[in-house]
């Protein structure tokens, strides 16, 4: 992991390795935030409970979509790098 952190040429990506932990932390923060709102927010307890039942799942889905989009961008970059490497190898073979 340290080698990946010190890769100043960005040949390897650490984002996919870190995002699992970030996802878990964001889920915990969302649950705690919604529970905090349930007990301290404005409106009646029933209104807040209804918002919790609707808002918490939507928050979880939103967090998951955000993290998946980041992973997708990183995977696109990794696959693009592989394609470039293969094309360069093909050009070297063709030019011989």
PDB file of N, CA and C in Angstrom:
ATOM      1  N   UNK A   1       0.821  -1.186   0.000  1.00  0.00           N
ATOM      2  CA  UNK A   1       0.000   0.000   0.000  1.00  0.00           C
ATOM      3  C   UNK A   1       0.870   1.257   0.000  1.00  0.00           C
ATOM      4  N   UNK A   2       1.960   1.241   0.737  1.00  0.00           N
ATOM      5  CA  UNK A   2       2.851   2.401   0.793  1.00  0.00           C
ATOM      6  C   UNK A   2       3.443   2.683  -0.580  1.00  0.00           C
ATOM      7  N   UNK A   3       3.765   1.614  -1.308  1.00  0.00           N
ATOM      8  CA  UNK A   3       4.317   1.790  -2.652  1.00  0.00           C
ATOM      9  C   UNK A   3       3.298   2.493  -3.560  1.00  0.00           C
ATOM     10  N   UNK A   4       2.028   2.136  -3.409  1.00  0.00           N
ATOM     11  CA  UNK A   4       0.988   2.778  -4.213  1.00  0.00           C
ATOM     12  C   UNK A   4       0.800   4.233  -3.806  1.00  0.00           C
ATOM     13  N   UNK A   5       0.951   4.524  -2.524  1.00  0.00           N
ATOM     14  CA  UNK A   5       0.809   5.905  -2.059  1.00  0.00           C
ATOM     15  C   UNK A   5       1.943   6.792  -2.570  1.00  0.00           C
ATOM     16  N   UNK A   6       3.120   6.204  -2.757  1.00  0.00           N
ATOM     17  CA  UNK A   6       4.284   6.971  -3.203  1.00  0.00           C
ATOM     18  C   UNK A   6       4.492   6.907  -4.712  1.00  0.00           C
ATOM     19  N   UNK A   7       3.492   6.452  -5.441  1.00  0.00           N
ATOM     20  CA  UNK A   7       3.557   6.373  -6.893  1.00  0.00           C
ATOM     21  C   UNK A   7       3.176   7.741  -7.476  1.00  0.00           C
ATOM     22  N   UNK A   8       4.176   8.587  -7.710  1.00  0.00           N
ATOM     23  CA  UNK A   8       3.921   9.938  -8.188  1.00  0.00           C
ATOM     24  C   UNK A   8       3.646   9.996  -9.682  1.00  0.00           C
ATOM     25  N   UNK A   9       3.764   8.876 -10.363  1.00  0.00           N
ATOM     26  CA  UNK A   9       3.434   8.821 -11.787  1.00  0.00           C
ATOM     27  C   UNK A   9       2.003   8.337 -11.996  1.00  0.00           C
ATOM     28  N   UNK A  10       1.340   7.977 -10.915  1.00  0.00           N
ATOM     29  CA  UNK A  10      -0.056   7.521 -10.937  1.00  0.00           C
ATOM     30  C   UNK A  10      -0.262   6.335 -11.879  1.00  0.00           C
ATOM     31  N   UNK A  11       0.647   5.378 -11.789  1.00  0.00           N
ATOM     32  CA  UNK A  11       0.515   4.166 -12.585  1.00  0.00           C
ATOM     33  C   UNK A  11      -0.445   3.174 -11.934  1.00  0.00           C
ATOM     34  N   UNK A  12      -0.598   3.269 -10.626  1.00  0.00           N
ATOM     35  CA  UNK A  12      -1.573   2.432  -9.928  1.00  0.00           C
ATOM     36  C   UNK A  12      -2.526   3.336  -9.147  1.00  0.00           C
ATOM     37  N   UNK A  13      -3.733   2.868  -8.998  1.00  0.00           N
ATOM     38  CA  UNK A  13      -4.756   3.638  -8.305  1.00  0.00           C
ATOM     39  C   UNK A  13      -5.058   2.990  -6.961  1.00  0.00           C
ATOM     40  N   UNK A  14      -5.135   3.805  -5.920  1.00  0.00           N
ATOM     41  CA  UNK A  14      -5.466   3.264  -4.596  1.00  0.00           C
ATOM     42  C   UNK A  14      -6.940   3.469  -4.263  1.00  0.00           C
ATOM     43  N   UNK A  15      -7.634   4.225  -5.075  1.00  0.00           N
ATOM     44  CA  UNK A  15      -9.026   4.546  -4.797  1.00  0.00           C
ATOM     45  C   UNK A  15      -9.898   3.308  -4.579  1.00  0.00           C
ATOM     46  N   UNK A  16      -9.824   2.274  -5.431  1.00  0.00           N
ATOM     47  CA  UNK A  16     -10.685   1.109  -5.190  1.00  0.00           C
ATOM     48  C   UNK A  16     -10.412   0.422  -3.851  1.00  0.00           C
ATOM     49  N   UNK A  17      -9.195   0.498  -3.388  1.00  0.00           N
ATOM     50  CA  UNK A  17      -8.857  -0.152  -2.118  1.00  0.00           C
ATOM     51  C   UNK A  17      -9.386   0.641  -0.924  1.00  0.00           C
ATOM     52  N   UNK A  18      -9.454   1.944  -1.079  1.00  0.00           N
ATOM     53  CA  UNK A  18      -9.876   2.809   0.019  1.00  0.00           C
ATOM     54  C   UNK A  18     -11.400   2.944   0.075  1.00  0.00           C
ATOM     55  N   UNK A  19     -12.063   2.866  -1.064  1.00  0.00           N
ATOM     56  CA  UNK A  19     -13.485   3.182  -1.110  1.00  0.00           C
ATOM     57  C   UNK A  19     -14.363   2.221  -0.320  1.00  0.00           C
ATOM     58  N   UNK A  20     -13.932   1.005  -0.109  1.00  0.00           N
ATOM     59  CA  UNK A  20     -14.716   0.094   0.728  1.00  0.00           C
ATOM     60  C   UNK A  20     -14.852   0.626   2.144  1.00  0.00           C
ATOM     61  N   UNK A  21     -13.761   1.088   2.700  1.00  0.00           N
ATOM     62  CA  UNK A  21     -13.784   1.664   4.048  1.00  0.00           C
ATOM     63  C   UNK A  21     -14.557   2.978   4.057  1.00  0.00           C
ATOM     64  N   UNK A  22     -14.367   3.794   3.023  1.00  0.00           N
ATOM     65  CA  UNK A  22     -15.087   5.070   2.942  1.00  0.00           C
ATOM     66  C   UNK A  22     -16.592   4.822   2.865  1.00  0.00           C
ATOM     67  N   UNK A  23     -16.992   3.824   2.112  1.00  0.00           N
ATOM     68  CA  UNK A  23     -18.406   3.488   1.994  1.00  0.00           C
ATOM     69  C   UNK A  23     -18.994   3.113   3.354  1.00  0.00           C
ATOM     70  N   UNK A  24     -18.291   2.276   4.096  1.00  0.00           N
ATOM     71  CA  UNK A  24     -18.757   1.893   5.427  1.00  0.00           C
ATOM     72  C   UNK A  24     -18.870   3.085   6.362  1.00  0.00           C
ATOM     73  N   UNK A  25     -17.878   3.963   6.318  1.00  0.00           N
ATOM     74  CA  UNK A  25     -17.902   5.159   7.170  1.00  0.00           C
ATOM     75  C   UNK A  25     -19.069   6.070   6.787  1.00  0.00           C
ATOM     76  N   UNK A  26     -19.296   6.239   5.496  1.00  0.00           N
ATOM     77  CA  UNK A  26     -20.405   7.085   5.048  1.00  0.00           C
ATOM     78  C   UNK A  26     -21.757   6.506   5.447  1.00  0.00           C
ATOM     79  N   UNK A  27     -21.899   5.180   5.389  1.00  0.00           N
ATOM     80  CA  UNK A  27     -23.143   4.541   5.839  1.00  0.00           C
ATOM     81  C   UNK A  27     -23.372   4.818   7.319  1.00  0.00           C
ATOM     82  N   UNK A  28     -22.328   4.681   8.122  1.00  0.00           N
ATOM     83  CA  UNK A  28     -22.447   4.921   9.566  1.00  0.00           C
ATOM     84  C   UNK A  28     -22.822   6.374   9.833  1.00  0.00           C
ATOM     85  N   UNK A  29     -22.179   7.297   9.133  1.00  0.00           N
ATOM     86  CA  UNK A  29     -22.481   8.719   9.308  1.00  0.00           C
ATOM     87  C   UNK A  29     -23.932   9.005   8.908  1.00  0.00           C
ATOM     88  N   UNK A  30     -24.396   8.403   7.823  1.00  0.00           N
ATOM     89  CA  UNK A  30     -25.778   8.623   7.385  1.00  0.00           C
ATOM     90  C   UNK A  30     -26.766   8.111   8.429  1.00  0.00           C
ATOM     91  N   UNK A  31     -26.537   6.910   8.937  1.00  0.00           N
ATOM     92  CA  UNK A  31     -27.438   6.344   9.945  1.00  0.00           C
ATOM     93  C   UNK A  31     -27.431   7.201  11.203  1.00  0.00           C
ATOM     94  N   UNK A  32     -26.253   7.587  11.669  1.00  0.00           N
ATOM     95  CA  UNK A  32     -26.178   8.420  12.874  1.00  0.00           C
ATOM     96  C   UNK A  32     -26.824   9.786  12.650  1.00  0.00           C
ATOM     97  N   UNK A  33     -26.626  10.350  11.472  1.00  0.00           N
ATOM     98  CA  UNK A  33     -27.238  11.638  11.156  1.00  0.00           C
ATOM     99  C   UNK A  33     -28.757  11.566  11.151  1.00  0.00           C
ATOM    100  N   UNK A  34     -29.279  10.527  10.521  1.00  0.00           N
ATOM    101  CA  UNK A  34     -30.729  10.381  10.482  1.00  0.00           C
ATOM    102  C   UNK A  34     -31.291  10.066  11.862  1.00  0.00           C
ATOM    103  N   UNK A  35     -30.595   9.266  12.630  1.00  0.00           N
ATOM    104  CA  UNK A  35     -31.062   8.993  13.998  1.00  0.00           C
ATOM    105  C   UNK A  35     -31.007  10.259  14.847  1.00  0.00           C
ATOM    106  N   UNK A  36     -29.973  11.056  14.683  1.00  0.00           N
ATOM    107  CA  UNK A  36     -29.893  12.329  15.385  1.00  0.00           C
ATOM    108  C   UNK A  36     -31.036  13.244  15.006  1.00  0.00           C
ATOM    109  N   UNK A  37     -31.357  13.271  13.725  1.00  0.00           N
ATOM    110  CA  UNK A  37     -32.484  14.090  13.270  1.00  0.00           C
ATOM    111  C   UNK A  37     -33.797  13.574  13.843  1.00  0.00           C
ATOM    112  N   UNK A  38     -33.931  12.258  13.936  1.00  0.00           N
ATOM    113  CA  UNK A  38     -35.153  11.660  14.476  1.00  0.00           C
ATOM    114  C   UNK A  38     -35.442  12.166  15.882  1.00  0.00           C
ATOM    115  N   UNK A  39     -34.414  12.304  16.699  1.00  0.00           N
ATOM    116  CA  UNK A  39     -34.619  12.672  18.093  1.00  0.00           C
ATOM    117  C   UNK A  39     -34.468  14.177  18.374  1.00  0.00           C
ATOM    118  N   UNK A  40     -33.870  14.931  17.455  1.00  0.00           N
ATOM    119  CA  UNK A  40     -33.653  16.357  17.734  1.00  0.00           C
ATOM    120  C   UNK A  40     -34.187  17.278  16.650  1.00  0.00           C
ATOM    121  N   UNK A  41     -34.739  16.745  15.575  1.00  0.00           N
ATOM    122  CA  UNK A  41     -35.177  17.573  14.455  1.00  0.00           C
ATOM    123  C   UNK A  41     -36.478  18.297  14.711  1.00  0.00           C
ATOM    124  N   UNK A  42     -36.859  19.138  13.749  1.00  0.00           N
ATOM    125  CA  UNK A  42     -38.110  19.884  13.818  1.00  0.00           C
ATOM    126  C   UNK A  42     -39.279  18.993  13.435  1.00  0.00           C
ATOM    127  N   UNK A  43     -40.460  19.365  13.880  1.00  0.00           N
ATOM    128  CA  UNK A  43     -41.667  18.622  13.545  1.00  0.00           C
ATOM    129  C   UNK A  43     -41.968  17.567  14.584  1.00  0.00           C
ATOM    130  N   UNK A  44     -43.098  16.904  14.367  1.00  0.00           N
ATOM    131  CA  UNK A  44     -43.501  15.873  15.323  1.00  0.00           C
ATOM    132  C   UNK A  44     -42.633  14.626  15.141  1.00  0.00           C
ATOM    133  N   UNK A  45     -42.653  13.782  16.146  1.00  0.00           N
ATOM    134  CA  UNK A  45     -41.856  12.549  16.095  1.00  0.00           C
ATOM    135  C   UNK A  45     -42.305  11.670  14.939  1.00  0.00           C
ATOM    136  N   UNK A  46     -43.610  11.618  14.664  1.00  0.00           N
ATOM    137  CA  UNK A  46     -44.139  10.795  13.566  1.00  0.00           C
ATOM    138  C   UNK A  46     -43.633  11.319  12.221  1.00  0.00           C
ATOM    139  N   UNK A  47     -43.646  12.640  12.051  1.00  0.00           N
ATOM    140  CA  UNK A  47     -43.129  13.214  10.799  1.00  0.00           C
ATOM    141  C   UNK A  47     -41.662  12.864  10.610  1.00  0.00           C
ATOM    142  N   UNK A  48     -40.900  12.993  11.681  1.00  0.00           N
ATOM    143  CA  UNK A  48     -39.471  12.671  11.594  1.00  0.00           C
ATOM    144  C   UNK A  48     -39.259  11.190  11.336  1.00  0.00           C
ATOM    145  N   UNK A  49     -40.092  10.337  11.920  1.00  0.00           N
ATOM    146  CA  UNK A  49     -39.980   8.889  11.689  1.00  0.00           C
ATOM    147  C   UNK A  49     -40.275   8.551  10.234  1.00  0.00           C
ATOM    148  N   UNK A  50     -41.306   9.200   9.677  1.00  0.00           N
ATOM    149  CA  UNK A  50     -41.627   8.977   8.259  1.00  0.00           C
ATOM    150  C   UNK A  50     -40.470   9.441   7.379  1.00  0.00           C
ATOM    151  N   UNK A  51     -39.914  10.609   7.688  1.00  0.00           N
ATOM    152  CA  UNK A  51     -38.754  11.088   6.931  1.00  0.00           C
ATOM    153  C   UNK A  51     -37.578  10.137   7.057  1.00  0.00           C
ATOM    154  N   UNK A  52     -37.403   9.551   8.243  1.00  0.00           N
ATOM    155  CA  UNK A  52     -36.321   8.589   8.444  1.00  0.00           C
ATOM    156  C   UNK A  52     -36.529   7.358   7.575  1.00  0.00           C
ATOM    157  N   UNK A  53     -37.756   6.853   7.541  1.00  0.00           N
ATOM    158  CA  UNK A  53     -38.060   5.644   6.772  1.00  0.00           C
ATOM    159  C   UNK A  53     -37.848   5.889   5.280  1.00  0.00           C
ATOM    160  N   UNK A  54     -38.127   7.091   4.818  1.00  0.00           N
ATOM    161  CA  UNK A  54     -37.939   7.418   3.403  1.00  0.00           C
ATOM    162  C   UNK A  54     -36.519   7.920   3.141  1.00  0.00           C
ATOM    163  N   UNK A  55     -36.035   8.799   4.004  1.00  0.00           N
ATOM    164  CA  UNK A  55     -34.765   9.472   3.755  1.00  0.00           C
ATOM    165  C   UNK A  55     -33.537   8.604   3.936  1.00  0.00           C
ATOM    166  N   UNK A  56     -33.546   7.727   4.925  1.00  0.00           N
ATOM    167  CA  UNK A  56     -32.364   6.892   5.165  1.00  0.00           C
ATOM    168  C   UNK A  56     -32.070   5.960   3.990  1.00  0.00           C
ATOM    169  N   UNK A  57     -33.077   5.220   3.485  1.00  0.00           N
ATOM    170  CA  UNK A  57     -32.771   4.381   2.311  1.00  0.00           C
ATOM    171  C   UNK A  57     -32.308   5.193   1.104  1.00  0.00           C
ATOM    172  N   UNK A  58     -32.925   6.367   0.903  1.00  0.00           N
ATOM    173  CA  UNK A  58     -32.490   7.205  -0.214  1.00  0.00           C
ATOM    174  C   UNK A  58     -31.063   7.697  -0.019  1.00  0.00           C
ATOM    175  N   UNK A  59     -30.712   8.016   1.215  1.00  0.00           N
ATOM    176  CA  UNK A  59     -29.335   8.430   1.507  1.00  0.00           C
ATOM    177  C   UNK A  59     -28.361   7.297   1.224  1.00  0.00           C
ATOM    178  N   UNK A  60     -28.701   6.098   1.658  1.00  0.00           N
ATOM    179  CA  UNK A  60     -27.835   4.932   1.442  1.00  0.00           C
ATOM    180  C   UNK A  60     -27.659   4.677  -0.054  1.00  0.00           C
ATOM    181  N   UNK A  61     -28.758   4.753  -0.807  1.00  0.00           N
ATOM    182  CA  UNK A  61     -28.677   4.550  -2.261  1.00  0.00           C
ATOM    183  C   UNK A  61     -27.825   5.644  -2.905  1.00  0.00           C
ATOM    184  N   UNK A  62     -28.018   6.888  -2.484  1.00  0.00           N
ATOM    185  CA  UNK A  62     -27.230   7.989  -3.040  1.00  0.00           C
ATOM    186  C   UNK A  62     -25.744   7.839  -2.773  1.00  0.00           C
ATOM    187  N   UNK A  63     -25.411   7.426  -1.557  1.00  0.00           N
ATOM    188  CA  UNK A  63     -24.000   7.197  -1.209  1.00  0.00           C
ATOM    189  C   UNK A  63     -23.421   6.082  -2.079  1.00  0.00           C
ATOM    190  N   UNK A  64     -24.186   4.998  -2.227  1.00  0.00           N
ATOM    191  CA  UNK A  64     -23.698   3.859  -3.020  1.00  0.00           C
ATOM    192  C   UNK A  64     -23.474   4.261  -4.481  1.00  0.00           C
ATOM    193  N   UNK A  65     -24.413   5.016  -5.050  1.00  0.00           N
ATOM    194  CA  UNK A  65     -24.283   5.458  -6.445  1.00  0.00           C
ATOM    195  C   UNK A  65     -23.065   6.356  -6.600  1.00  0.00           C
ATOM    196  N   UNK A  66     -22.846   7.252  -5.646  1.00  0.00           N
ATOM    197  CA  UNK A  66     -21.693   8.150  -5.698  1.00  0.00           C
ATOM    198  C   UNK A  66     -20.388   7.351  -5.673  1.00  0.00           C
ATOM    199  N   UNK A  67     -20.290   6.380  -4.758  1.00  0.00           N
ATOM    200  CA  UNK A  67     -19.067   5.575  -4.655  1.00  0.00           C
ATOM    201  C   UNK A  67     -18.880   4.727  -5.911  1.00  0.00           C
ATOM    202  N   UNK A  68     -19.970   4.140  -6.418  1.00  0.00           N
ATOM    203  CA  UNK A  68     -19.856   3.342  -7.643  1.00  0.00           C
ATOM    204  C   UNK A  68     -19.411   4.190  -8.831  1.00  0.00           C
ATOM    205  N   UNK A  69     -19.850   5.439  -8.893  1.00  0.00           N
ATOM    206  CA  UNK A  69     -19.418   6.292 -10.008  1.00  0.00           C
ATOM    207  C   UNK A  69     -17.920   6.576  -9.925  1.00  0.00           C
ATOM    208  N   UNK A  70     -17.416   6.768  -8.717  1.00  0.00           N
ATOM    209  CA  UNK A  70     -15.972   6.970  -8.558  1.00  0.00           C
ATOM    210  C   UNK A  70     -15.206   5.720  -8.980  1.00  0.00           C
ATOM    211  N   UNK A  71     -15.686   4.555  -8.550  1.00  0.00           N
ATOM    212  CA  UNK A  71     -15.032   3.297  -8.925  1.00  0.00           C
ATOM    213  C   UNK A  71     -15.073   3.119 -10.443  1.00  0.00           C
ATOM    214  N   UNK A  72     -16.200   3.453 -11.062  1.00  0.00           N
ATOM    215  CA  UNK A  72     -16.314   3.328 -12.518  1.00  0.00           C
ATOM    216  C   UNK A  72     -15.300   4.211 -13.236  1.00  0.00           C
ATOM    217  N   UNK A  73     -15.134   5.433 -12.765  1.00  0.00           N
ATOM    218  CA  UNK A  73     -14.165   6.341 -13.388  1.00  0.00           C
ATOM    219  C   UNK A  73     -12.751   5.788 -13.265  1.00  0.00           C
ATOM    220  N   UNK A  74     -12.421   5.242 -12.105  1.00  0.00           N
ATOM    221  CA  UNK A  74     -11.083   4.672 -11.904  1.00  0.00           C
ATOM    222  C   UNK A  74     -10.896   3.459 -12.794  1.00  0.00           C
ATOM    223  N   UNK A  75     -11.910   2.607 -12.900  1.00  0.00           N
ATOM    224  CA  UNK A  75     -11.794   1.420 -13.756  1.00  0.00           C
ATOM    225  C   UNK A  75     -11.653   1.813 -15.226  1.00  0.00           C
ATOM    226  N   UNK A  76     -12.356   2.859 -15.638  1.00  0.00           N
ATOM    227  CA  UNK A  76     -12.201   3.346 -17.010  1.00  0.00           C
ATOM    228  C   UNK A  76     -10.761   3.804 -17.246  1.00  0.00           C
ATOM    229  N   UNK A  77     -10.197   4.517 -16.282  1.00  0.00           N
ATOM    230  CA  UNK A  77      -8.806   4.973 -16.417  1.00  0.00           C
ATOM    231  C   UNK A  77      -7.849   3.782 -16.480  1.00  0.00           C
ATOM    232  N   UNK A  78      -8.068   2.775 -15.629  1.00  0.00           N
ATOM    233  CA  UNK A  78      -7.195   1.592 -15.644  1.00  0.00           C
ATOM    234  C   UNK A  78      -7.294   0.858 -16.977  1.00  0.00           C
ATOM    235  N   UNK A  79      -8.515   0.677 -17.468  1.00  0.00           N
ATOM    236  CA  UNK A  79      -8.691  -0.041 -18.732  1.00  0.00           C
ATOM    237  C   UNK A  79      -8.155   0.759 -19.913  1.00  0.00           C
ATOM    238  N   UNK A  80      -8.277   2.074 -19.857  1.00  0.00           N
ATOM    239  CA  UNK A  80      -7.707   2.903 -20.915  1.00  0.00           C
ATOM    240  C   UNK A  80      -6.188   2.783 -20.934  1.00  0.00           C
ATOM    241  N   UNK A  81      -5.578   2.743 -19.761  1.00  0.00           N
ATOM    242  CA  UNK A  81      -4.119   2.561 -19.686  1.00  0.00           C
ATOM    243  C   UNK A  81      -3.702   1.230 -20.293  1.00  0.00           C
ATOM    244  N   UNK A  82      -4.482   0.187 -20.018  1.00  0.00           N
ATOM    245  CA  UNK A  82      -4.164  -1.135 -20.588  1.00  0.00           C
ATOM    246  C   UNK A  82      -4.282  -1.115 -22.108  1.00  0.00           C
ATOM    247  N   UNK A  83      -5.294  -0.445 -22.624  1.00  0.00           N
ATOM    248  CA  UNK A  83      -5.472  -0.359 -24.075  1.00  0.00           C
ATOM    249  C   UNK A  83      -4.299   0.384 -24.709  1.00  0.00           C
ATOM    250  N   UNK A  84      -3.874   1.467 -24.091  1.00  0.00           N
ATOM    251  CA  UNK A  84      -2.740   2.240 -24.618  1.00  0.00           C
ATOM    252  C   UNK A  84      -1.476   1.384 -24.624  1.00  0.00           C
ATOM    253  N   UNK A  85      -1.247   0.650 -23.545  1.00  0.00           N
ATOM    254  CA  UNK A  85      -0.062  -0.222 -23.486  1.00  0.00           C
ATOM    255  C   UNK A  85      -0.102  -1.280 -24.583  1.00  0.00           C
ATOM    256  N   UNK A  86      -1.257  -1.882 -24.795  1.00  0.00           N
ATOM    257  CA  UNK A  86      -1.377  -2.900 -25.837  1.00  0.00           C
ATOM    258  C   UNK A  86      -1.193  -2.306 -27.225  1.00  0.00           C
ATOM    259  N   UNK A  87      -1.720  -1.111 -27.454  1.00  0.00           N
ATOM    260  CA  UNK A  87      -1.533  -0.456 -28.751  1.00  0.00           C
ATOM    261  C   UNK A  87      -0.072  -0.100 -28.993  1.00  0.00           C
ATOM    262  N   UNK A  88       0.609   0.351 -27.968  1.00  0.00           N
ATOM    263  CA  UNK A  88       2.028   0.661 -28.121  1.00  0.00           C
ATOM    264  C   UNK A  88       2.828  -0.601 -28.420  1.00  0.00           C
ATOM    265  N   UNK A  89       2.494  -1.699 -27.758  1.00  0.00           N
ATOM    266  CA  UNK A  89       3.180  -2.969 -28.037  1.00  0.00           C
ATOM    267  C   UNK A  89       2.885  -3.421 -29.458  1.00  0.00           C
ATOM    268  N   UNK A  90       1.658  -3.256 -29.911  1.00  0.00           N
ATOM    269  CA  UNK A  90       1.291  -3.628 -31.276  1.00  0.00           C
ATOM    270  C   UNK A  90       2.041  -2.772 -32.290  1.00  0.00           C
ATOM    271  N   UNK A  91       2.173  -1.476 -32.019  1.00  0.00           N
ATOM    272  CA  UNK A  91       2.907  -0.598 -32.945  1.00  0.00           C
ATOM    273  C   UNK A  91       4.365  -0.989 -33.045  1.00  0.00           C
ATOM    274  N   UNK A  92       4.970  -1.390 -31.912  1.00  0.00           N
ATOM    275  CA  UNK A  92       6.366  -1.827 -31.924  1.00  0.00           C
ATOM    276  C   UNK A  92       6.525  -3.079 -32.766  1.00  0.00           C
ATOM    277  N   UNK A  93       5.592  -4.018 -32.647  1.00  0.00           N
ATOM    278  CA  UNK A  93       5.659  -5.243 -33.427  1.00  0.00           C
ATOM    279  C   UNK A  93       5.443  -4.947 -34.915  1.00  0.00           C
ATOM    280  N   UNK A  94       4.538  -4.063 -35.201  1.00  0.00           N
ATOM    281  CA  UNK A  94       4.225  -3.717 -36.588  1.00  0.00           C
ATOM    282  C   UNK A  94       5.403  -3.017 -37.265  1.00  0.00           C
ATOM    283  N   UNK A  95       6.113  -2.158 -36.504  1.00  0.00           N
ATOM    284  CA  UNK A  95       7.212  -1.391 -37.080  1.00  0.00           C
ATOM    285  C   UNK A  95       8.471  -2.223 -37.313  1.00  0.00           C
ATOM    286  N   UNK A  96       8.555  -3.398 -36.755  1.00  0.00           N
ATOM    287  CA  UNK A  96       9.765  -4.221 -36.940  1.00  0.00           C
ATOM    288  C   UNK A  96       9.854  -4.798 -38.306  1.00  0.00           C
TER     289      UNK A  96
END
